[in-house]
Amino acid sequence: MIATRPTEEQIEQIAKDLAPDVVRIRFNVGLDWSEDPAIYFRVVLSDAAAESDRLIEATKMAEKRLFDEFGLWESDLFPYINFRSQSEQAQLKEAAWD
């Protein structure tokens, strides 16, 4: 079982802690393609953090914080973490990422 189920407040705090690289984080729990329980994180990065020279560092910091904060290594929910830049989201305008 997941050690700590995320709350909106916890997720917002992580995004604030990782600013200015992380603009916001959204999440939901559901089933993945194989019908197994999963937790989906959607992380919007600043355009500067999404540049090739900073992208790996920014994504690794966010992944580590989410895994450590919520005990995802021992979770029964398979974690999926997706990243998108602020400009990419501005173009795509997907509500789940806002």
N, C-alpha and C. Protein backbone atom coordinates (compact mmCIF):
# COMPACT_ATOMS: atom_id res chain seq x y z
N MET A 1 0.84 -1.18 0.00
CA MET A 1 0.00 0.00 0.00
C MET A 1 0.87 1.24 0.00
N ILE A 2 0.45 2.25 -0.68
CA ILE A 2 1.22 3.49 -0.73
C ILE A 2 1.36 4.05 0.69
N ALA A 3 2.56 4.46 1.04
CA ALA A 3 2.83 4.94 2.39
C ALA A 3 1.97 6.15 2.74
N THR A 4 1.90 7.09 1.86
CA THR A 4 1.10 8.29 2.08
C THR A 4 0.39 8.65 0.79
N ARG A 5 -0.92 8.70 0.82
CA ARG A 5 -1.66 9.15 -0.36
C ARG A 5 -1.49 10.66 -0.48
N PRO A 6 -1.13 11.14 -1.65
CA PRO A 6 -0.94 12.58 -1.79
C PRO A 6 -2.23 13.36 -1.59
N THR A 7 -2.08 14.54 -1.04
CA THR A 7 -3.19 15.50 -0.98
C THR A 7 -2.83 16.66 -1.91
N GLU A 8 -3.82 17.42 -2.30
CA GLU A 8 -3.58 18.59 -3.15
C GLU A 8 -2.60 19.53 -2.48
N GLU A 9 -2.73 19.70 -1.16
CA GLU A 9 -1.86 20.62 -0.43
C GLU A 9 -0.41 20.14 -0.47
N GLN A 10 -0.19 18.83 -0.29
CA GLN A 10 1.17 18.30 -0.35
C GLN A 10 1.78 18.48 -1.74
N ILE A 11 0.99 18.22 -2.75
CA ILE A 11 1.47 18.37 -4.13
C ILE A 11 1.80 19.82 -4.43
N GLU A 12 0.94 20.74 -3.99
CA GLU A 12 1.21 22.17 -4.19
C GLU A 12 2.49 22.59 -3.48
N GLN A 13 2.72 22.07 -2.28
CA GLN A 13 3.93 22.42 -1.54
C GLN A 13 5.18 21.91 -2.26
N ILE A 14 5.12 20.71 -2.80
CA ILE A 14 6.26 20.18 -3.55
C ILE A 14 6.54 21.06 -4.76
N ALA A 15 5.49 21.45 -5.48
CA ALA A 15 5.68 22.33 -6.64
C ALA A 15 6.33 23.65 -6.21
N LYS A 16 5.88 24.21 -5.09
CA LYS A 16 6.47 25.46 -4.58
C LYS A 16 7.93 25.25 -4.21
N ASP A 17 8.23 24.13 -3.56
CA ASP A 17 9.60 23.84 -3.16
C ASP A 17 10.53 23.68 -4.36
N LEU A 18 10.00 23.18 -5.46
CA LEU A 18 10.81 22.94 -6.66
C LEU A 18 10.78 24.10 -7.66
N ALA A 19 10.06 25.16 -7.31
CA ALA A 19 10.02 26.36 -8.16
C ALA A 19 11.41 26.99 -8.17
N PRO A 20 11.80 27.63 -9.22
CA PRO A 20 11.03 28.01 -10.40
C PRO A 20 10.99 26.95 -11.51
N ASP A 21 11.70 25.83 -11.31
CA ASP A 21 11.71 24.80 -12.37
C ASP A 21 10.35 24.15 -12.56
N VAL A 22 9.66 23.87 -11.47
CA VAL A 22 8.33 23.24 -11.55
C VAL A 22 7.26 24.32 -11.39
N VAL A 23 6.36 24.39 -12.34
CA VAL A 23 5.27 25.37 -12.31
C VAL A 23 4.09 24.82 -11.52
N ARG A 24 3.73 23.56 -11.80
CA ARG A 24 2.64 22.91 -11.07
C ARG A 24 2.69 21.41 -11.29
N ILE A 25 2.02 20.71 -10.37
CA ILE A 25 1.92 19.25 -10.46
C ILE A 25 0.45 18.89 -10.24
N ARG A 26 -0.06 18.02 -11.06
CA ARG A 26 -1.41 17.48 -10.90
C ARG A 26 -1.28 15.96 -10.80
N PHE A 27 -2.27 15.32 -10.19
CA PHE A 27 -2.21 13.86 -10.08
C PHE A 27 -3.61 13.27 -10.01
N ASN A 28 -3.68 11.99 -10.32
CA ASN A 28 -4.90 11.22 -10.11
C ASN A 28 -4.53 9.76 -9.94
N VAL A 29 -5.41 9.02 -9.30
CA VAL A 29 -5.24 7.58 -9.08
C VAL A 29 -6.26 6.88 -9.97
N GLY A 30 -5.83 5.81 -10.61
CA GLY A 30 -6.73 5.05 -11.48
C GLY A 30 -6.10 3.73 -11.85
N LEU A 31 -6.55 3.17 -12.94
CA LEU A 31 -6.01 1.91 -13.44
C LEU A 31 -5.17 2.19 -14.67
N ASP A 32 -4.07 1.44 -14.82
CA ASP A 32 -3.25 1.62 -16.02
C ASP A 32 -3.77 0.72 -17.14
N TRP A 33 -3.00 0.63 -18.21
CA TRP A 33 -3.41 -0.12 -19.39
C TRP A 33 -3.66 -1.59 -19.11
N SER A 34 -3.02 -2.12 -18.05
CA SER A 34 -3.19 -3.54 -17.73
C SER A 34 -4.18 -3.77 -16.59
N GLU A 35 -4.92 -2.71 -16.26
CA GLU A 35 -5.93 -2.75 -15.21
C GLU A 35 -5.33 -2.85 -13.80
N ASP A 36 -4.05 -2.52 -13.66
CA ASP A 36 -3.41 -2.48 -12.35
C ASP A 36 -3.56 -1.07 -11.77
N PRO A 37 -3.62 -0.96 -10.43
CA PRO A 37 -3.74 0.35 -9.81
C PRO A 37 -2.50 1.21 -10.10
N ALA A 38 -2.73 2.48 -10.40
CA ALA A 38 -1.64 3.37 -10.75
C ALA A 38 -1.90 4.77 -10.22
N ILE A 39 -0.82 5.53 -10.06
CA ILE A 39 -0.93 6.94 -9.73
C ILE A 39 -0.23 7.70 -10.85
N TYR A 40 -0.92 8.68 -11.39
CA TYR A 40 -0.42 9.46 -12.51
C TYR A 40 -0.10 10.87 -12.04
N PHE A 41 1.15 11.30 -12.26
CA PHE A 41 1.56 12.66 -11.96
C PHE A 41 1.80 13.39 -13.28
N ARG A 42 1.32 14.62 -13.37
CA ARG A 42 1.54 15.47 -14.53
C ARG A 42 2.28 16.71 -14.04
N VAL A 43 3.52 16.86 -14.46
CA VAL A 43 4.38 17.93 -13.98
C VAL A 43 4.62 18.93 -15.11
N VAL A 44 4.25 20.18 -14.86
CA VAL A 44 4.52 21.25 -15.82
C VAL A 44 5.80 21.96 -15.39
N LEU A 45 6.78 21.95 -16.29
CA LEU A 45 8.06 22.60 -16.04
C LEU A 45 8.08 23.99 -16.67
N SER A 46 8.86 24.87 -16.07
CA SER A 46 9.06 26.18 -16.70
C SER A 46 9.76 25.95 -18.03
N ASP A 47 9.63 26.89 -18.94
CA ASP A 47 10.30 26.74 -20.23
C ASP A 47 11.81 26.68 -20.06
N ALA A 48 12.34 27.43 -19.10
CA ALA A 48 13.78 27.41 -18.85
C ALA A 48 14.23 26.03 -18.38
N ALA A 49 13.46 25.40 -17.50
CA ALA A 49 13.81 24.07 -16.99
C ALA A 49 13.66 23.00 -18.07
N ALA A 50 12.83 23.25 -19.06
CA ALA A 50 12.61 22.28 -20.13
C ALA A 50 13.69 22.35 -21.21
N GLU A 51 14.59 23.31 -21.11
CA GLU A 51 15.71 23.40 -22.06
C GLU A 51 16.61 22.19 -21.87
N SER A 52 17.23 21.75 -22.92
CA SER A 52 18.00 20.49 -22.89
C SER A 52 19.09 20.46 -21.82
N ASP A 53 19.72 21.59 -21.52
CA ASP A 53 20.80 21.56 -20.54
C ASP A 53 20.30 21.46 -19.10
N ARG A 54 19.02 21.70 -18.86
CA ARG A 54 18.47 21.63 -17.50
C ARG A 54 17.40 20.56 -17.34
N LEU A 55 16.95 20.00 -18.42
CA LEU A 55 15.81 19.08 -18.39
C LEU A 55 16.05 17.86 -17.50
N ILE A 56 17.17 17.21 -17.64
CA ILE A 56 17.44 16.00 -16.86
C ILE A 56 17.46 16.31 -15.37
N GLU A 57 18.15 17.38 -14.99
CA GLU A 57 18.22 17.76 -13.58
C GLU A 57 16.83 18.09 -13.02
N ALA A 58 16.04 18.85 -13.76
CA ALA A 58 14.71 19.25 -13.29
C ALA A 58 13.79 18.04 -13.14
N THR A 59 13.81 17.13 -14.10
CA THR A 59 12.92 15.96 -14.02
C THR A 59 13.36 15.00 -12.92
N LYS A 60 14.66 14.82 -12.76
CA LYS A 60 15.17 13.93 -11.70
C LYS A 60 14.82 14.48 -10.31
N MET A 61 14.94 15.79 -10.13
CA MET A 61 14.58 16.38 -8.83
C MET A 61 13.10 16.15 -8.51
N ALA A 62 12.24 16.37 -9.49
CA ALA A 62 10.81 16.18 -9.29
C ALA A 62 10.49 14.71 -9.01
N GLU A 63 11.05 13.80 -9.79
CA GLU A 63 10.81 12.37 -9.58
C GLU A 63 11.27 11.94 -8.19
N LYS A 64 12.47 12.34 -7.81
CA LYS A 64 13.00 11.95 -6.50
C LYS A 64 12.10 12.46 -5.38
N ARG A 65 11.69 13.69 -5.48
CA ARG A 65 10.84 14.26 -4.42
C ARG A 65 9.52 13.51 -4.31
N LEU A 66 8.89 13.21 -5.44
CA LEU A 66 7.61 12.48 -5.42
C LEU A 66 7.80 11.06 -4.87
N PHE A 67 8.82 10.36 -5.32
CA PHE A 67 9.06 9.01 -4.84
C PHE A 67 9.35 9.00 -3.35
N ASP A 68 10.21 9.91 -2.90
CA ASP A 68 10.59 9.96 -1.49
C ASP A 68 9.43 10.39 -0.59
N GLU A 69 8.72 11.40 -1.01
CA GLU A 69 7.64 11.98 -0.20
C GLU A 69 6.50 11.00 0.04
N PHE A 70 6.17 10.21 -0.97
CA PHE A 70 4.99 9.36 -0.88
C PHE A 70 5.31 7.87 -0.85
N GLY A 71 6.57 7.51 -0.65
CA GLY A 71 6.95 6.10 -0.53
C GLY A 71 6.59 5.28 -1.75
N LEU A 72 6.79 5.86 -2.93
CA LEU A 72 6.37 5.18 -4.15
C LEU A 72 7.17 3.91 -4.45
N TRP A 73 8.35 3.76 -3.84
CA TRP A 73 9.13 2.54 -4.05
C TRP A 73 8.41 1.32 -3.47
N GLU A 74 7.64 1.53 -2.40
CA GLU A 74 6.95 0.42 -1.74
C GLU A 74 5.44 0.42 -2.02
N SER A 75 5.02 1.19 -2.95
CA SER A 75 3.60 1.39 -3.21
C SER A 75 2.97 0.24 -3.99
N ASP A 76 1.68 0.03 -3.76
CA ASP A 76 0.96 -0.92 -4.61
C ASP A 76 0.40 -0.21 -5.84
N LEU A 77 0.63 1.09 -5.93
CA LEU A 77 0.23 1.87 -7.11
C LEU A 77 1.47 2.07 -7.98
N PHE A 78 1.36 1.71 -9.25
CA PHE A 78 2.49 1.92 -10.15
C PHE A 78 2.53 3.40 -10.51
N PRO A 79 3.66 4.07 -10.28
CA PRO A 79 3.74 5.51 -10.57
C PRO A 79 4.08 5.81 -12.03
N TYR A 80 3.33 6.74 -12.60
CA TYR A 80 3.61 7.28 -13.93
C TYR A 80 3.82 8.77 -13.74
N ILE A 81 4.97 9.27 -14.18
CA ILE A 81 5.26 10.69 -14.05
C ILE A 81 5.54 11.24 -15.45
N ASN A 82 4.69 12.17 -15.88
CA ASN A 82 4.84 12.77 -17.20
C ASN A 82 5.19 14.24 -17.05
N PHE A 83 5.98 14.73 -17.97
CA PHE A 83 6.44 16.11 -17.94
C PHE A 83 6.05 16.83 -19.21
N ARG A 84 5.85 18.13 -19.05
CA ARG A 84 5.50 18.99 -20.17
C ARG A 84 5.99 20.39 -19.83
N SER A 85 6.39 21.15 -20.83
CA SER A 85 6.80 22.53 -20.58
C SER A 85 5.57 23.44 -20.50
N GLN A 86 5.79 24.60 -19.94
CA GLN A 86 4.71 25.58 -19.81
C GLN A 86 4.19 25.97 -21.20
N SER A 87 5.10 26.20 -22.17
CA SER A 87 4.63 26.58 -23.50
C SER A 87 3.90 25.45 -24.20
N GLU A 88 4.35 24.22 -23.98
CA GLU A 88 3.66 23.08 -24.57
C GLU A 88 2.23 22.99 -24.03
N GLN A 89 2.06 23.17 -22.73
CA GLN A 89 0.72 23.15 -22.15
C GLN A 89 -0.12 24.31 -22.65
N ALA A 90 0.49 25.47 -22.84
CA ALA A 90 -0.25 26.63 -23.37
C ALA A 90 -0.79 26.33 -24.76
N GLN A 91 -0.05 25.56 -25.55
CA GLN A 91 -0.51 25.18 -26.89
C GLN A 91 -1.57 24.10 -26.83
N LEU A 92 -1.35 23.08 -26.01
CA LEU A 92 -2.25 21.92 -25.96
C LEU A 92 -3.51 22.19 -25.16
N LYS A 93 -3.41 23.00 -24.13
CA LYS A 93 -4.54 23.41 -23.29
C LYS A 93 -5.34 22.22 -22.75
N GLU A 94 -4.64 21.21 -22.24
CA GLU A 94 -5.34 20.05 -21.67
C GLU A 94 -5.72 20.37 -20.23
N ALA A 95 -7.00 20.28 -19.95
CA ALA A 95 -7.53 20.65 -18.62
C ALA A 95 -6.89 19.85 -17.49
N ALA A 96 -6.57 18.60 -17.71
CA ALA A 96 -6.00 17.75 -16.65
C ALA A 96 -4.64 18.26 -16.19
N TRP A 97 -3.97 19.06 -17.02
CA TRP A 97 -2.65 19.59 -16.68
C TRP A 97 -2.73 20.96 -16.02
N ASP A 98 -3.88 21.60 -16.03
CA ASP A 98 -4.03 22.94 -15.43
C ASP A 98 -4.39 22.90 -13.97
